[in-house]
Amino acid sequence: MNPIVTVQDAVTAFADFMEPTNAELDAIEQEMPVILADVDLLDAYITTLDRIPSELDNRRIRRARRRALAARVALLNRSTGASQPGGAA
């Protein structure tokens, strides 16, 4: 008979070096507006899963899409500006 053992030691044994680095945490912080805008968009979609979307639902989805797109553009502009020093060419 083989004893049943937990895998707790195997799962937590690697926790010390699997923590996110400061650079990864900074990247997440910069992407947080995009993440939150995507969550709002998903929330707008989820509310309409079990019913036909009303005009108010459609407006909410359109606004959420625009916010998500604007957040992505802002992130792209920040990352592009940071990687190309010297201004416009």
PDB file of N, CA and C in Angstrom:
ATOM      1  N   MET A   1       0.839  -1.168   0.000  1.00  0.00           N
ATOM      2  CA  MET A   1       0.000   0.000   0.000  1.00  0.00           C
ATOM      3  C   MET A   1       0.892   1.240   0.000  1.00  0.00           C
ATOM      4  N   ASN A   2       0.602   2.158  -0.897  1.00  0.00           N
ATOM      5  CA  ASN A   2       1.359   3.392  -0.992  1.00  0.00           C
ATOM      6  C   ASN A   2       0.685   4.474  -0.143  1.00  0.00           C
ATOM      7  N   PRO A   3       1.460   5.173   0.667  1.00  0.00           N
ATOM      8  CA  PRO A   3       0.852   6.246   1.465  1.00  0.00           C
ATOM      9  C   PRO A   3       0.494   7.442   0.580  1.00  0.00           C
ATOM     10  N   ILE A   4      -0.586   8.094   0.923  1.00  0.00           N
ATOM     11  CA  ILE A   4      -0.998   9.302   0.212  1.00  0.00           C
ATOM     12  C   ILE A   4      -0.351  10.486   0.916  1.00  0.00           C
ATOM     13  N   VAL A   5       0.411  11.242   0.179  1.00  0.00           N
ATOM     14  CA  VAL A   5       1.086  12.402   0.757  1.00  0.00           C
ATOM     15  C   VAL A   5       0.605  13.657   0.043  1.00  0.00           C
ATOM     16  N   THR A   6       0.698  14.751   0.727  1.00  0.00           N
ATOM     17  CA  THR A   6       0.306  16.016   0.100  1.00  0.00           C
ATOM     18  C   THR A   6       1.466  16.568  -0.699  1.00  0.00           C
ATOM     19  N   VAL A   7       1.156  17.434  -1.599  1.00  0.00           N
ATOM     20  CA  VAL A   7       2.187  18.074  -2.408  1.00  0.00           C
ATOM     21  C   VAL A   7       2.477  19.481  -1.892  1.00  0.00           C
ATOM     22  N   GLN A   8       2.097  19.753  -0.678  1.00  0.00           N
ATOM     23  CA  GLN A   8       2.312  21.084  -0.111  1.00  0.00           C
ATOM     24  C   GLN A   8       3.784  21.474  -0.126  1.00  0.00           C
ATOM     25  N   ASP A   9       4.664  20.547   0.253  1.00  0.00           N
ATOM     26  CA  ASP A   9       6.091  20.872   0.256  1.00  0.00           C
ATOM     27  C   ASP A   9       6.589  21.176  -1.150  1.00  0.00           C
ATOM     28  N   ALA A  10       6.127  20.439  -2.120  1.00  0.00           N
ATOM     29  CA  ALA A  10       6.566  20.658  -3.491  1.00  0.00           C
ATOM     30  C   ALA A  10       6.049  21.989  -4.024  1.00  0.00           C
ATOM     31  N   VAL A  11       4.865  22.382  -3.611  1.00  0.00           N
ATOM     32  CA  VAL A  11       4.288  23.629  -4.109  1.00  0.00           C
ATOM     33  C   VAL A  11       4.941  24.828  -3.438  1.00  0.00           C
ATOM     34  N   THR A  12       5.123  24.781  -2.147  1.00  0.00           N
ATOM     35  CA  THR A  12       5.659  25.933  -1.427  1.00  0.00           C
ATOM     36  C   THR A  12       7.173  25.945  -1.355  1.00  0.00           C
ATOM     37  N   ALA A  13       7.832  24.916  -1.801  1.00  0.00           N
ATOM     38  CA  ALA A  13       9.284  24.874  -1.719  1.00  0.00           C
ATOM     39  C   ALA A  13       9.930  25.921  -2.626  1.00  0.00           C
ATOM     40  N   PHE A  14       9.256  26.312  -3.687  1.00  0.00           N
ATOM     41  CA  PHE A  14       9.831  27.237  -4.646  1.00  0.00           C
ATOM     42  C   PHE A  14       9.304  28.657  -4.481  1.00  0.00           C
ATOM     43  N   ALA A  15       8.568  28.939  -3.437  1.00  0.00           N
ATOM     44  CA  ALA A  15       7.924  30.237  -3.285  1.00  0.00           C
ATOM     45  C   ALA A  15       8.926  31.376  -3.101  1.00  0.00           C
ATOM     46  N   ASP A  16      10.091  31.119  -2.513  1.00  0.00           N
ATOM     47  CA  ASP A  16      11.028  32.201  -2.246  1.00  0.00           C
ATOM     48  C   ASP A  16      11.541  32.865  -3.522  1.00  0.00           C
ATOM     49  N   PHE A  17      11.900  32.105  -4.509  1.00  0.00           N
ATOM     50  CA  PHE A  17      12.456  32.722  -5.701  1.00  0.00           C
ATOM     51  C   PHE A  17      11.411  32.966  -6.783  1.00  0.00           C
ATOM     52  N   MET A  18      10.171  32.642  -6.542  1.00  0.00           N
ATOM     53  CA  MET A  18       9.130  32.860  -7.534  1.00  0.00           C
ATOM     54  C   MET A  18       8.372  34.164  -7.306  1.00  0.00           C
ATOM     55  N   GLU A  19       8.799  34.962  -6.356  1.00  0.00           N
ATOM     56  CA  GLU A  19       8.178  36.257  -6.127  1.00  0.00           C
ATOM     57  C   GLU A  19       8.494  37.169  -7.313  1.00  0.00           C
ATOM     58  N   PRO A  20       7.564  38.059  -7.658  1.00  0.00           N
ATOM     59  CA  PRO A  20       7.851  38.975  -8.771  1.00  0.00           C
ATOM     60  C   PRO A  20       8.957  39.957  -8.396  1.00  0.00           C
ATOM     61  N   THR A  21       9.740  40.297  -9.379  1.00  0.00           N
ATOM     62  CA  THR A  21      10.816  41.257  -9.162  1.00  0.00           C
ATOM     63  C   THR A  21      10.241  42.666  -9.140  1.00  0.00           C
ATOM     64  N   ASN A  22      11.050  43.620  -8.732  1.00  0.00           N
ATOM     65  CA  ASN A  22      10.603  45.021  -8.723  1.00  0.00           C
ATOM     66  C   ASN A  22      10.286  45.503 -10.136  1.00  0.00           C
ATOM     67  N   ALA A  23      11.047  45.052 -11.120  1.00  0.00           N
ATOM     68  CA  ALA A  23      10.784  45.439 -12.503  1.00  0.00           C
ATOM     69  C   ALA A  23       9.436  44.897 -12.975  1.00  0.00           C
ATOM     70  N   GLU A  24       9.121  43.667 -12.600  1.00  0.00           N
ATOM     71  CA  GLU A  24       7.828  43.082 -12.976  1.00  0.00           C
ATOM     72  C   GLU A  24       6.681  43.804 -12.286  1.00  0.00           C
ATOM     73  N   LEU A  25       6.868  44.167 -11.030  1.00  0.00           N
ATOM     74  CA  LEU A  25       5.833  44.908 -10.311  1.00  0.00           C
ATOM     75  C   LEU A  25       5.634  46.298 -10.919  1.00  0.00           C
ATOM     76  N   ASP A  26       6.712  46.932 -11.352  1.00  0.00           N
ATOM     77  CA  ASP A  26       6.596  48.231 -12.014  1.00  0.00           C
ATOM     78  C   ASP A  26       5.859  48.112 -13.344  1.00  0.00           C
ATOM     79  N   ALA A  27       6.129  47.048 -14.088  1.00  0.00           N
ATOM     80  CA  ALA A  27       5.441  46.827 -15.358  1.00  0.00           C
ATOM     81  C   ALA A  27       3.950  46.604 -15.129  1.00  0.00           C
ATOM     82  N   ILE A  28       3.604  45.862 -14.100  1.00  0.00           N
ATOM     83  CA  ILE A  28       2.192  45.635 -13.777  1.00  0.00           C
ATOM     84  C   ILE A  28       1.540  46.954 -13.394  1.00  0.00           C
ATOM     85  N   GLU A  29       2.246  47.763 -12.633  1.00  0.00           N
ATOM     86  CA  GLU A  29       1.708  49.063 -12.210  1.00  0.00           C
ATOM     87  C   GLU A  29       1.449  49.960 -13.412  1.00  0.00           C
ATOM     88  N   GLN A  30       2.338  49.938 -14.398  1.00  0.00           N
ATOM     89  CA  GLN A  30       2.139  50.743 -15.606  1.00  0.00           C
ATOM     90  C   GLN A  30       0.971  50.220 -16.431  1.00  0.00           C
ATOM     91  N   GLU A  31       0.759  48.922 -16.436  1.00  0.00           N
ATOM     92  CA  GLU A  31      -0.324  48.330 -17.215  1.00  0.00           C
ATOM     93  C   GLU A  31      -1.661  48.307 -16.479  1.00  0.00           C
ATOM     94  N   MET A  32      -1.691  48.749 -15.237  1.00  0.00           N
ATOM     95  CA  MET A  32      -2.909  48.664 -14.441  1.00  0.00           C
ATOM     96  C   MET A  32      -4.094  49.408 -15.058  1.00  0.00           C
ATOM     97  N   PRO A  33      -3.938  50.605 -15.657  1.00  0.00           N
ATOM     98  CA  PRO A  33      -5.095  51.234 -16.302  1.00  0.00           C
ATOM     99  C   PRO A  33      -5.696  50.376 -17.425  1.00  0.00           C
ATOM    100  N   VAL A  34      -4.841  49.695 -18.170  1.00  0.00           N
ATOM    101  CA  VAL A  34      -5.331  48.815 -19.240  1.00  0.00           C
ATOM    102  C   VAL A  34      -6.061  47.619 -18.638  1.00  0.00           C
ATOM    103  N   ILE A  35      -5.505  47.062 -17.588  1.00  0.00           N
ATOM    104  CA  ILE A  35      -6.127  45.910 -16.939  1.00  0.00           C
ATOM    105  C   ILE A  35      -7.504  46.286 -16.393  1.00  0.00           C
ATOM    106  N   LEU A  36      -7.586  47.424 -15.715  1.00  0.00           N
ATOM    107  CA  LEU A  36      -8.860  47.854 -15.144  1.00  0.00           C
ATOM    108  C   LEU A  36      -9.882  48.179 -16.226  1.00  0.00           C
ATOM    109  N   ALA A  37      -9.434  48.783 -17.330  1.00  0.00           N
ATOM    110  CA  ALA A  37     -10.349  49.071 -18.434  1.00  0.00           C
ATOM    111  C   ALA A  37     -10.860  47.772 -19.066  1.00  0.00           C
ATOM    112  N   ASP A  38     -10.004  46.779 -19.180  1.00  0.00           N
ATOM    113  CA  ASP A  38     -10.433  45.484 -19.714  1.00  0.00           C
ATOM    114  C   ASP A  38     -11.427  44.797 -18.773  1.00  0.00           C
ATOM    115  N   VAL A  39     -11.208  44.946 -17.472  1.00  0.00           N
ATOM    116  CA  VAL A  39     -12.147  44.369 -16.503  1.00  0.00           C
ATOM    117  C   VAL A  39     -13.510  45.037 -16.638  1.00  0.00           C
ATOM    118  N   ASP A  40     -13.524  46.361 -16.811  1.00  0.00           N
ATOM    119  CA  ASP A  40     -14.795  47.062 -17.011  1.00  0.00           C
ATOM    120  C   ASP A  40     -15.493  46.599 -18.285  1.00  0.00           C
ATOM    121  N   LEU A  41     -14.722  46.384 -19.340  1.00  0.00           N
ATOM    122  CA  LEU A  41     -15.307  45.903 -20.591  1.00  0.00           C
ATOM    123  C   LEU A  41     -15.885  44.506 -20.422  1.00  0.00           C
ATOM    124  N   LEU A  42     -15.156  43.633 -19.773  1.00  0.00           N
ATOM    125  CA  LEU A  42     -15.673  42.286 -19.521  1.00  0.00           C
ATOM    126  C   LEU A  42     -16.913  42.324 -18.648  1.00  0.00           C
ATOM    127  N   ASP A  43     -16.925  43.205 -17.667  1.00  0.00           N
ATOM    128  CA  ASP A  43     -18.095  43.354 -16.810  1.00  0.00           C
ATOM    129  C   ASP A  43     -19.303  43.799 -17.627  1.00  0.00           C
ATOM    130  N   ALA A  44     -19.092  44.710 -18.560  1.00  0.00           N
ATOM    131  CA  ALA A  44     -20.190  45.163 -19.419  1.00  0.00           C
ATOM    132  C   ALA A  44     -20.706  44.015 -20.284  1.00  0.00           C
ATOM    133  N   TYR A  45     -19.804  43.205 -20.795  1.00  0.00           N
ATOM    134  CA  TYR A  45     -20.232  42.053 -21.594  1.00  0.00           C
ATOM    135  C   TYR A  45     -20.956  41.014 -20.740  1.00  0.00           C
ATOM    136  N   ILE A  46     -20.438  40.763 -19.549  1.00  0.00           N
ATOM    137  CA  ILE A  46     -21.027  39.733 -18.686  1.00  0.00           C
ATOM    138  C   ILE A  46     -22.451  40.086 -18.292  1.00  0.00           C
ATOM    139  N   THR A  47     -22.713  41.371 -18.078  1.00  0.00           N
ATOM    140  CA  THR A  47     -24.068  41.761 -17.685  1.00  0.00           C
ATOM    141  C   THR A  47     -25.086  41.491 -18.772  1.00  0.00           C
ATOM    142  N   THR A  48     -24.642  41.360 -20.004  1.00  0.00           N
ATOM    143  CA  THR A  48     -25.581  41.130 -21.104  1.00  0.00           C
ATOM    144  C   THR A  48     -25.612  39.677 -21.581  1.00  0.00           C
ATOM    145  N   LEU A  49     -24.977  38.775 -20.861  1.00  0.00           N
ATOM    146  CA  LEU A  49     -24.935  37.381 -21.310  1.00  0.00           C
ATOM    147  C   LEU A  49     -26.297  36.698 -21.273  1.00  0.00           C
ATOM    148  N   ASP A  50     -27.092  36.996 -20.277  1.00  0.00           N
ATOM    149  CA  ASP A  50     -28.342  36.258 -20.105  1.00  0.00           C
ATOM    150  C   ASP A  50     -29.570  37.015 -20.588  1.00  0.00           C
ATOM    151  N   ARG A  51     -29.359  38.097 -21.309  1.00  0.00           N
ATOM    152  CA  ARG A  51     -30.495  38.859 -21.824  1.00  0.00           C
ATOM    153  C   ARG A  51     -30.085  39.604 -23.082  1.00  0.00           C
ATOM    154  N   ILE A  52     -31.071  40.104 -23.758  1.00  0.00           N
ATOM    155  CA  ILE A  52     -30.805  40.910 -24.946  1.00  0.00           C
ATOM    156  C   ILE A  52     -30.342  42.286 -24.469  1.00  0.00           C
ATOM    157  N   PRO A  53     -29.219  42.779 -24.986  1.00  0.00           N
ATOM    158  CA  PRO A  53     -28.722  44.075 -24.516  1.00  0.00           C
ATOM    159  C   PRO A  53     -29.682  45.214 -24.851  1.00  0.00           C
ATOM    160  N   SER A  54     -29.928  46.053 -23.881  1.00  0.00           N
ATOM    161  CA  SER A  54     -30.754  47.238 -24.106  1.00  0.00           C
ATOM    162  C   SER A  54     -29.868  48.348 -24.674  1.00  0.00           C
ATOM    163  N   GLU A  55     -30.485  49.469 -24.986  1.00  0.00           N
ATOM    164  CA  GLU A  55     -29.707  50.597 -25.491  1.00  0.00           C
ATOM    165  C   GLU A  55     -28.710  51.079 -24.441  1.00  0.00           C
ATOM    166  N   LEU A  56     -29.110  51.056 -23.195  1.00  0.00           N
ATOM    167  CA  LEU A  56     -28.204  51.438 -22.111  1.00  0.00           C
ATOM    168  C   LEU A  56     -27.021  50.472 -22.018  1.00  0.00           C
ATOM    169  N   ASP A  57     -27.289  49.181 -22.178  1.00  0.00           N
ATOM    170  CA  ASP A  57     -26.205  48.193 -22.176  1.00  0.00           C
ATOM    171  C   ASP A  57     -25.248  48.433 -23.339  1.00  0.00           C
ATOM    172  N   ASN A  58     -25.805  48.713 -24.501  1.00  0.00           N
ATOM    173  CA  ASN A  58     -24.962  48.972 -25.673  1.00  0.00           C
ATOM    174  C   ASN A  58     -24.081  50.194 -25.456  1.00  0.00           C
ATOM    175  N   ARG A  59     -24.643  51.243 -24.844  1.00  0.00           N
ATOM    176  CA  ARG A  59     -23.840  52.427 -24.546  1.00  0.00           C
ATOM    177  C   ARG A  59     -22.730  52.102 -23.560  1.00  0.00           C
ATOM    178  N   ARG A  60     -23.055  51.319 -22.547  1.00  0.00           N
ATOM    179  CA  ARG A  60     -22.053  50.945 -21.555  1.00  0.00           C
ATOM    180  C   ARG A  60     -20.918  50.154 -22.197  1.00  0.00           C
ATOM    181  N   ILE A  61     -21.250  49.248 -23.110  1.00  0.00           N
ATOM    182  CA  ILE A  61     -20.227  48.464 -23.809  1.00  0.00           C
ATOM    183  C   ILE A  61     -19.376  49.369 -24.687  1.00  0.00           C
ATOM    184  N   ARG A  62     -20.026  50.293 -25.414  1.00  0.00           N
ATOM    185  CA  ARG A  62     -19.262  51.208 -26.269  1.00  0.00           C
ATOM    186  C   ARG A  62     -18.319  52.085 -25.450  1.00  0.00           C
ATOM    187  N   ARG A  63     -18.800  52.601 -24.322  1.00  0.00           N
ATOM    188  CA  ARG A  63     -17.944  53.425 -23.465  1.00  0.00           C
ATOM    189  C   ARG A  63     -16.778  52.607 -22.914  1.00  0.00           C
ATOM    190  N   ALA A  64     -17.064  51.380 -22.510  1.00  0.00           N
ATOM    191  CA  ALA A  64     -16.012  50.521 -21.970  1.00  0.00           C
ATOM    192  C   ALA A  64     -14.984  50.189 -23.050  1.00  0.00           C
ATOM    193  N   ARG A  65     -15.444  49.961 -24.279  1.00  0.00           N
ATOM    194  CA  ARG A  65     -14.517  49.707 -25.389  1.00  0.00           C
ATOM    195  C   ARG A  65     -13.622  50.912 -25.642  1.00  0.00           C
ATOM    196  N   ARG A  66     -14.236  52.109 -25.637  1.00  0.00           N
ATOM    197  CA  ARG A  66     -13.449  53.322 -25.860  1.00  0.00           C
ATOM    198  C   ARG A  66     -12.430  53.533 -24.757  1.00  0.00           C
ATOM    199  N   ARG A  67     -12.824  53.287 -23.507  1.00  0.00           N
ATOM    200  CA  ARG A  67     -11.882  53.442 -22.394  1.00  0.00           C
ATOM    201  C   ARG A  67     -10.740  52.433 -22.497  1.00  0.00           C
ATOM    202  N   ALA A  68     -11.067  51.200 -22.880  1.00  0.00           N
ATOM    203  CA  ALA A  68     -10.024  50.181 -23.019  1.00  0.00           C
ATOM    204  C   ALA A  68      -9.062  50.552 -24.142  1.00  0.00           C
ATOM    205  N   LEU A  69      -9.594  51.025 -25.248  1.00  0.00           N
ATOM    206  CA  LEU A  69      -8.737  51.432 -26.359  1.00  0.00           C
ATOM    207  C   LEU A  69      -7.886  52.631 -25.975  1.00  0.00           C
ATOM    208  N   ALA A  70      -8.483  53.615 -25.298  1.00  0.00           N
ATOM    209  CA  ALA A  70      -7.719  54.795 -24.879  1.00  0.00           C
ATOM    210  C   ALA A  70      -6.616  54.411 -23.895  1.00  0.00           C
ATOM    211  N   ALA A  71      -6.893  53.476 -23.002  1.00  0.00           N
ATOM    212  CA  ALA A  71      -5.871  53.037 -22.048  1.00  0.00           C
ATOM    213  C   ALA A  71      -4.733  52.333 -22.765  1.00  0.00           C
ATOM    214  N   ARG A  72      -5.067  51.525 -23.772  1.00  0.00           N
ATOM    215  CA  ARG A  72      -4.018  50.843 -24.532  1.00  0.00           C
ATOM    216  C   ARG A  72      -3.166  51.838 -25.321  1.00  0.00           C
ATOM    217  N   VAL A  73      -3.822  52.841 -25.923  1.00  0.00           N
ATOM    218  CA  VAL A  73      -3.085  53.858 -26.681  1.00  0.00           C
ATOM    219  C   VAL A  73      -2.179  54.653 -25.746  1.00  0.00           C
ATOM    220  N   ALA A  74      -2.692  55.017 -24.564  1.00  0.00           N
ATOM    221  CA  ALA A  74      -1.878  55.764 -23.604  1.00  0.00           C
ATOM    222  C   ALA A  74      -0.672  54.944 -23.159  1.00  0.00           C
ATOM    223  N   LEU A  75      -0.866  53.659 -22.917  1.00  0.00           N
ATOM    224  CA  LEU A  75       0.245  52.796 -22.532  1.00  0.00           C
ATOM    225  C   LEU A  75       1.256  52.691 -23.663  1.00  0.00           C
ATOM    226  N   LEU A  76       0.779  52.537 -24.864  1.00  0.00           N
ATOM    227  CA  LEU A  76       1.672  52.448 -26.016  1.00  0.00           C
ATOM    228  C   LEU A  76       2.446  53.742 -26.204  1.00  0.00           C
ATOM    229  N   ASN A  77       1.772  54.878 -26.042  1.00  0.00           N
ATOM    230  CA  ASN A  77       2.456  56.159 -26.183  1.00  0.00           C
ATOM    231  C   ASN A  77       3.503  56.356 -25.098  1.00  0.00           C
ATOM    232  N   ARG A  78       3.200  55.927 -23.870  1.00  0.00           N
ATOM    233  CA  ARG A  78       4.180  56.046 -22.793  1.00  0.00           C
ATOM    234  C   ARG A  78       5.392  55.163 -23.069  1.00  0.00           C
ATOM    235  N   SER A  79       5.149  53.927 -23.501  1.00  0.00           N
ATOM    236  CA  SER A  79       6.265  53.020 -23.736  1.00  0.00           C
ATOM    237  C   SER A  79       7.068  53.418 -24.970  1.00  0.00           C
ATOM    238  N   THR A  80       6.416  53.958 -25.982  1.00  0.00           N
ATOM    239  CA  THR A  80       7.127  54.410 -27.180  1.00  0.00           C
ATOM    240  C   THR A  80       7.960  55.654 -26.867  1.00  0.00           C
ATOM    241  N   GLY A  81       7.397  56.556 -26.098  1.00  0.00           N
ATOM    242  CA  GLY A  81       8.130  57.777 -25.731  1.00  0.00           C
ATOM    243  C   GLY A  81       9.326  57.477 -24.860  1.00  0.00           C
ATOM    244  N   ALA A  82       9.203  56.475 -24.009  1.00  0.00           N
ATOM    245  CA  ALA A  82      10.313  56.135 -23.125  1.00  0.00           C
ATOM    246  C   ALA A  82      11.434  55.426 -23.868  1.00  0.00           C
ATOM    247  N   SER A  83      11.106  54.724 -24.946  1.00  0.00           N
ATOM    248  CA  SER A  83      12.134  53.958 -25.638  1.00  0.00           C
ATOM    249  C   SER A  83      12.823  54.739 -26.752  1.00  0.00           C
ATOM    250  N   GLN A  84      12.272  55.914 -27.136  1.00  0.00           N
ATOM    251  CA  GLN A  84      12.864  56.701 -28.199  1.00  0.00           C
ATOM    252  C   GLN A  84      13.226  58.092 -27.689  1.00  0.00           C
ATOM    253  N   PRO A  85      14.404  58.247 -27.145  1.00  0.00           N
ATOM    254  CA  PRO A  85      14.792  59.566 -26.640  1.00  0.00           C
ATOM    255  C   PRO A  85      15.067  60.517 -27.783  1.00  0.00           C
ATOM    256  N   GLY A  86      14.938  61.799 -27.518  1.00  0.00           N
ATOM    257  CA  GLY A  86      15.268  62.781 -28.515  1.00  0.00           C
ATOM    258  C   GLY A  86      14.078  63.451 -29.162  1.00  0.00           C
ATOM    259  N   GLY A  87      12.876  63.026 -28.844  1.00  0.00           N
ATOM    260  CA  GLY A  87      11.687  63.669 -29.382  1.00  0.00           C
ATOM    261  C   GLY A  87      11.363  63.248 -30.794  1.00  0.00           C
ATOM    262  N   ALA A  88      10.599  64.079 -31.471  1.00  0.00           N
ATOM    263  CA  ALA A  88      10.146  63.762 -32.828  1.00  0.00           C
ATOM    264  C   ALA A  88      11.283  63.870 -33.816  1.00  0.00           C
ATOM    265  N   ALA A  89      11.235  63.027 -34.817  1.00  0.00           N
ATOM    266  CA  ALA A  89      12.302  63.045 -35.828  1.00  0.00           C
ATOM    267  C   ALA A  89      11.781  63.590 -37.121  1.00  0.00           C
TER     268      ALA A  89
END
